[in-house]
Amino acid sequence: MRSFRDLIALWPTRVVFAREMGLDYEAAAGMYGRAFIHPHYWPTLLEAAHRRGINITPEDLMRFSDRRRRRRRRKKKTAESAAIAA
C-alpha cells in the first residue's frame, strides 16, 4: 500500500468506505479521486481500518501525505521548456 487511493481500495466499495467513515458517497469518491484524505479524518479512518483488520498507522498516513506533497511540488513543464526539449 503506497497511497490513500490504495488504502481506500481495500474496502469492498466506496459506498462501504463512505458509510464506515460517516461520510456521504460524494465525499468518499472525492477522497479517492484526489488520492488524499485530510488529516481531520485520520482518527476515523484509523478506527475504520482497524475494525476491518487493515494494518495502518498514523506514520503510514503521514508518509502517504508527504509523498503526495512532494509529487505536487515538482516543476510543471511549460510550453517553452517543452519546445526546447523537442
N, C-alpha and C. Protein backbone atom coordinates (compact mmCIF):
# COMPACT_ATOMS: atom_id res chain seq x y z
N MET A 1 0.86 -1.17 0.00
CA MET A 1 0.00 0.00 0.00
C MET A 1 0.90 1.23 0.00
N ARG A 2 0.68 2.09 -1.00
CA ARG A 2 1.57 3.24 -1.15
C ARG A 2 0.86 4.57 -1.14
N SER A 3 -0.47 4.57 -1.13
CA SER A 3 -1.18 5.85 -1.22
C SER A 3 -2.55 5.74 -0.55
N PHE A 4 -3.17 6.90 -0.40
CA PHE A 4 -4.52 6.92 0.14
C PHE A 4 -5.47 6.16 -0.77
N ARG A 5 -5.26 6.28 -2.07
CA ARG A 5 -6.13 5.56 -3.01
C ARG A 5 -6.01 4.06 -2.81
N ASP A 6 -4.79 3.57 -2.61
CA ASP A 6 -4.60 2.14 -2.34
C ASP A 6 -5.31 1.73 -1.06
N LEU A 7 -5.25 2.60 -0.06
CA LEU A 7 -5.91 2.31 1.22
C LEU A 7 -7.42 2.24 1.04
N ILE A 8 -8.01 3.21 0.38
CA ILE A 8 -9.46 3.23 0.16
C ILE A 8 -9.90 2.01 -0.64
N ALA A 9 -9.06 1.56 -1.55
CA ALA A 9 -9.39 0.41 -2.40
C ALA A 9 -9.48 -0.89 -1.59
N LEU A 10 -9.01 -0.90 -0.36
CA LEU A 10 -9.11 -2.10 0.47
C LEU A 10 -10.53 -2.35 0.99
N TRP A 11 -11.39 -1.35 0.89
CA TRP A 11 -12.80 -1.55 1.25
C TRP A 11 -13.49 -2.18 0.05
N PRO A 12 -14.56 -2.94 0.28
CA PRO A 12 -15.24 -3.61 -0.85
C PRO A 12 -15.73 -2.63 -1.91
N THR A 13 -16.29 -1.50 -1.47
CA THR A 13 -16.75 -0.46 -2.40
C THR A 13 -16.55 0.89 -1.73
N ARG A 14 -16.63 1.94 -2.53
CA ARG A 14 -16.53 3.28 -1.94
C ARG A 14 -17.77 3.61 -1.12
N VAL A 15 -18.88 3.00 -1.45
CA VAL A 15 -20.10 3.19 -0.65
C VAL A 15 -19.87 2.67 0.77
N VAL A 16 -19.29 1.49 0.88
CA VAL A 16 -19.00 0.91 2.20
C VAL A 16 -17.98 1.78 2.93
N PHE A 17 -16.95 2.25 2.20
CA PHE A 17 -15.96 3.13 2.80
C PHE A 17 -16.64 4.40 3.34
N ALA A 18 -17.51 5.00 2.54
CA ALA A 18 -18.20 6.22 2.96
C ALA A 18 -19.04 5.96 4.22
N ARG A 19 -19.76 4.87 4.23
CA ARG A 19 -20.62 4.54 5.37
C ARG A 19 -19.79 4.38 6.64
N GLU A 20 -18.68 3.64 6.54
CA GLU A 20 -17.86 3.39 7.72
C GLU A 20 -17.11 4.64 8.19
N MET A 21 -16.91 5.58 7.28
CA MET A 21 -16.26 6.83 7.65
C MET A 21 -17.27 7.88 8.12
N GLY A 22 -18.56 7.60 7.93
CA GLY A 22 -19.59 8.57 8.31
C GLY A 22 -19.69 9.73 7.32
N LEU A 23 -19.43 9.44 6.06
CA LEU A 23 -19.44 10.45 5.01
C LEU A 23 -20.52 10.13 3.99
N ASP A 24 -20.84 11.13 3.15
CA ASP A 24 -21.69 10.80 2.02
C ASP A 24 -20.80 10.26 0.89
N TYR A 25 -21.42 9.64 -0.08
CA TYR A 25 -20.66 8.99 -1.14
C TYR A 25 -19.77 9.97 -1.90
N GLU A 26 -20.29 11.17 -2.17
CA GLU A 26 -19.53 12.15 -2.94
C GLU A 26 -18.23 12.53 -2.24
N ALA A 27 -18.27 12.67 -0.92
CA ALA A 27 -17.05 13.00 -0.17
C ALA A 27 -16.04 11.86 -0.26
N ALA A 28 -16.50 10.63 -0.12
CA ALA A 28 -15.61 9.47 -0.21
C ALA A 28 -15.04 9.33 -1.62
N ALA A 29 -15.87 9.53 -2.62
CA ALA A 29 -15.40 9.45 -4.00
C ALA A 29 -14.38 10.55 -4.28
N GLY A 30 -14.59 11.73 -3.69
CA GLY A 30 -13.63 12.82 -3.86
C GLY A 30 -12.28 12.48 -3.24
N MET A 31 -12.31 11.84 -2.07
CA MET A 31 -11.07 11.43 -1.44
C MET A 31 -10.33 10.44 -2.32
N TYR A 32 -11.05 9.52 -2.90
CA TYR A 32 -10.43 8.54 -3.80
C TYR A 32 -9.89 9.23 -5.05
N GLY A 33 -10.70 10.11 -5.62
CA GLY A 33 -10.29 10.81 -6.84
C GLY A 33 -9.07 11.69 -6.65
N ARG A 34 -9.00 12.37 -5.50
CA ARG A 34 -7.85 13.23 -5.21
C ARG A 34 -6.67 12.44 -4.67
N ALA A 35 -6.92 11.20 -4.29
CA ALA A 35 -5.90 10.35 -3.65
C ALA A 35 -5.37 11.06 -2.40
N PHE A 36 -6.30 11.66 -1.65
CA PHE A 36 -5.91 12.37 -0.43
C PHE A 36 -7.05 12.34 0.57
N ILE A 37 -6.69 12.12 1.83
CA ILE A 37 -7.65 12.20 2.92
C ILE A 37 -7.11 13.23 3.89
N HIS A 38 -7.89 14.25 4.15
CA HIS A 38 -7.46 15.34 5.03
C HIS A 38 -7.19 14.79 6.43
N PRO A 39 -6.14 15.29 7.08
CA PRO A 39 -5.80 14.80 8.43
C PRO A 39 -6.95 14.87 9.44
N HIS A 40 -7.91 15.73 9.21
CA HIS A 40 -9.08 15.81 10.09
C HIS A 40 -9.78 14.45 10.19
N TYR A 41 -9.76 13.68 9.11
CA TYR A 41 -10.46 12.40 9.05
C TYR A 41 -9.60 11.21 9.48
N TRP A 42 -8.32 11.43 9.74
CA TRP A 42 -7.43 10.32 10.04
C TRP A 42 -7.83 9.49 11.26
N PRO A 43 -8.26 10.11 12.38
CA PRO A 43 -8.67 9.25 13.52
C PRO A 43 -9.82 8.31 13.14
N THR A 44 -10.80 8.82 12.43
CA THR A 44 -11.93 7.99 12.00
C THR A 44 -11.45 6.92 11.03
N LEU A 45 -10.56 7.29 10.12
CA LEU A 45 -10.01 6.35 9.16
C LEU A 45 -9.25 5.23 9.86
N LEU A 46 -8.44 5.57 10.84
CA LEU A 46 -7.68 4.56 11.57
C LEU A 46 -8.62 3.59 12.29
N GLU A 47 -9.67 4.13 12.91
CA GLU A 47 -10.63 3.26 13.60
C GLU A 47 -11.33 2.33 12.61
N ALA A 48 -11.79 2.88 11.49
CA ALA A 48 -12.49 2.07 10.49
C ALA A 48 -11.57 1.00 9.91
N ALA A 49 -10.33 1.36 9.65
CA ALA A 49 -9.38 0.39 9.10
C ALA A 49 -9.11 -0.73 10.11
N HIS A 50 -8.93 -0.39 11.36
CA HIS A 50 -8.66 -1.42 12.36
C HIS A 50 -9.86 -2.35 12.56
N ARG A 51 -11.08 -1.80 12.45
CA ARG A 51 -12.27 -2.66 12.53
C ARG A 51 -12.28 -3.67 11.39
N ARG A 52 -11.73 -3.28 10.25
CA ARG A 52 -11.69 -4.17 9.09
C ARG A 52 -10.45 -5.06 9.09
N GLY A 53 -9.56 -4.87 10.05
CA GLY A 53 -8.35 -5.67 10.09
C GLY A 53 -7.25 -5.16 9.16
N ILE A 54 -7.36 -3.91 8.77
CA ILE A 54 -6.35 -3.29 7.90
C ILE A 54 -5.29 -2.68 8.80
N ASN A 55 -4.07 -3.13 8.62
CA ASN A 55 -2.97 -2.68 9.47
C ASN A 55 -2.41 -1.38 8.91
N ILE A 56 -2.78 -0.26 9.51
CA ILE A 56 -2.33 1.06 9.07
C ILE A 56 -2.02 1.89 10.31
N THR A 57 -1.00 2.71 10.23
CA THR A 57 -0.60 3.54 11.37
C THR A 57 -0.65 5.01 10.98
N PRO A 58 -0.64 5.89 11.96
CA PRO A 58 -0.57 7.33 11.65
C PRO A 58 0.68 7.67 10.83
N GLU A 59 1.77 6.95 11.09
CA GLU A 59 3.00 7.19 10.33
C GLU A 59 2.81 6.86 8.85
N ASP A 60 2.05 5.79 8.58
CA ASP A 60 1.75 5.46 7.18
C ASP A 60 0.98 6.59 6.51
N LEU A 61 0.00 7.13 7.21
CA LEU A 61 -0.80 8.22 6.65
C LEU A 61 0.07 9.45 6.39
N MET A 62 0.97 9.75 7.31
CA MET A 62 1.88 10.88 7.11
C MET A 62 2.78 10.64 5.90
N ARG A 63 3.25 9.40 5.73
CA ARG A 63 4.09 9.07 4.59
C ARG A 63 3.32 9.24 3.27
N PHE A 64 2.06 8.77 3.24
CA PHE A 64 1.24 8.95 2.04
C PHE A 64 1.08 10.43 1.72
N SER A 65 0.81 11.22 2.75
CA SER A 65 0.59 12.65 2.57
C SER A 65 1.87 13.33 2.09
N ASP A 66 3.00 12.97 2.68
CA ASP A 66 4.27 13.57 2.29
C ASP A 66 4.62 13.21 0.86
N ARG A 67 4.41 11.97 0.48
CA ARG A 67 4.70 11.53 -0.89
C ARG A 67 3.86 12.33 -1.88
N ARG A 68 2.60 12.53 -1.55
CA ARG A 68 1.71 13.29 -2.42
C ARG A 68 2.18 14.74 -2.52
N ARG A 69 2.57 15.32 -1.41
CA ARG A 69 3.02 16.71 -1.38
C ARG A 69 4.27 16.88 -2.24
N ARG A 70 5.22 15.96 -2.14
CA ARG A 70 6.45 16.05 -2.95
C ARG A 70 6.12 15.95 -4.43
N ARG A 71 5.19 15.08 -4.77
CA ARG A 71 4.82 14.90 -6.17
C ARG A 71 4.19 16.18 -6.72
N ARG A 72 3.41 16.87 -5.90
CA ARG A 72 2.74 18.09 -6.35
C ARG A 72 3.71 19.26 -6.49
N ARG A 73 4.85 19.21 -5.79
CA ARG A 73 5.83 20.29 -5.85
C ARG A 73 6.73 20.25 -7.07
N ARG A 74 6.69 19.15 -7.80
CA ARG A 74 7.54 19.05 -8.99
C ARG A 74 7.21 20.17 -9.95
N LYS A 75 8.23 20.65 -10.63
CA LYS A 75 8.03 21.73 -11.58
C LYS A 75 7.21 21.24 -12.75
N LYS A 76 6.22 22.00 -13.11
CA LYS A 76 5.40 21.63 -14.25
C LYS A 76 6.09 22.12 -15.51
N LYS A 77 5.99 21.33 -16.55
CA LYS A 77 6.60 21.73 -17.83
C LYS A 77 5.80 22.87 -18.44
N THR A 78 6.50 23.84 -18.92
CA THR A 78 5.85 24.94 -19.62
C THR A 78 5.96 24.68 -21.11
N ALA A 79 5.24 25.44 -21.88
CA ALA A 79 5.29 25.28 -23.34
C ALA A 79 6.71 25.58 -23.84
N GLU A 80 7.38 26.56 -23.22
CA GLU A 80 8.73 26.91 -23.63
C GLU A 80 9.72 25.78 -23.37
N SER A 81 9.65 25.18 -22.18
CA SER A 81 10.57 24.09 -21.85
C SER A 81 10.28 22.86 -22.72
N ALA A 82 9.03 22.65 -23.08
CA ALA A 82 8.68 21.53 -23.94
C ALA A 82 9.23 21.75 -25.35
N ALA A 83 9.20 23.01 -25.81
CA ALA A 83 9.73 23.32 -27.14
C ALA A 83 11.23 23.15 -27.18
N ILE A 84 11.91 23.51 -26.09
CA ILE A 84 13.36 23.35 -26.01
C ILE A 84 13.73 21.87 -26.02
N ALA A 85 12.96 21.08 -25.33
CA ALA A 85 13.24 19.64 -25.25
C ALA A 85 13.03 18.96 -26.61
N ALA A 86 12.13 19.52 -27.42
CA ALA A 86 11.84 18.91 -28.73
C ALA A 86 12.90 19.29 -29.68
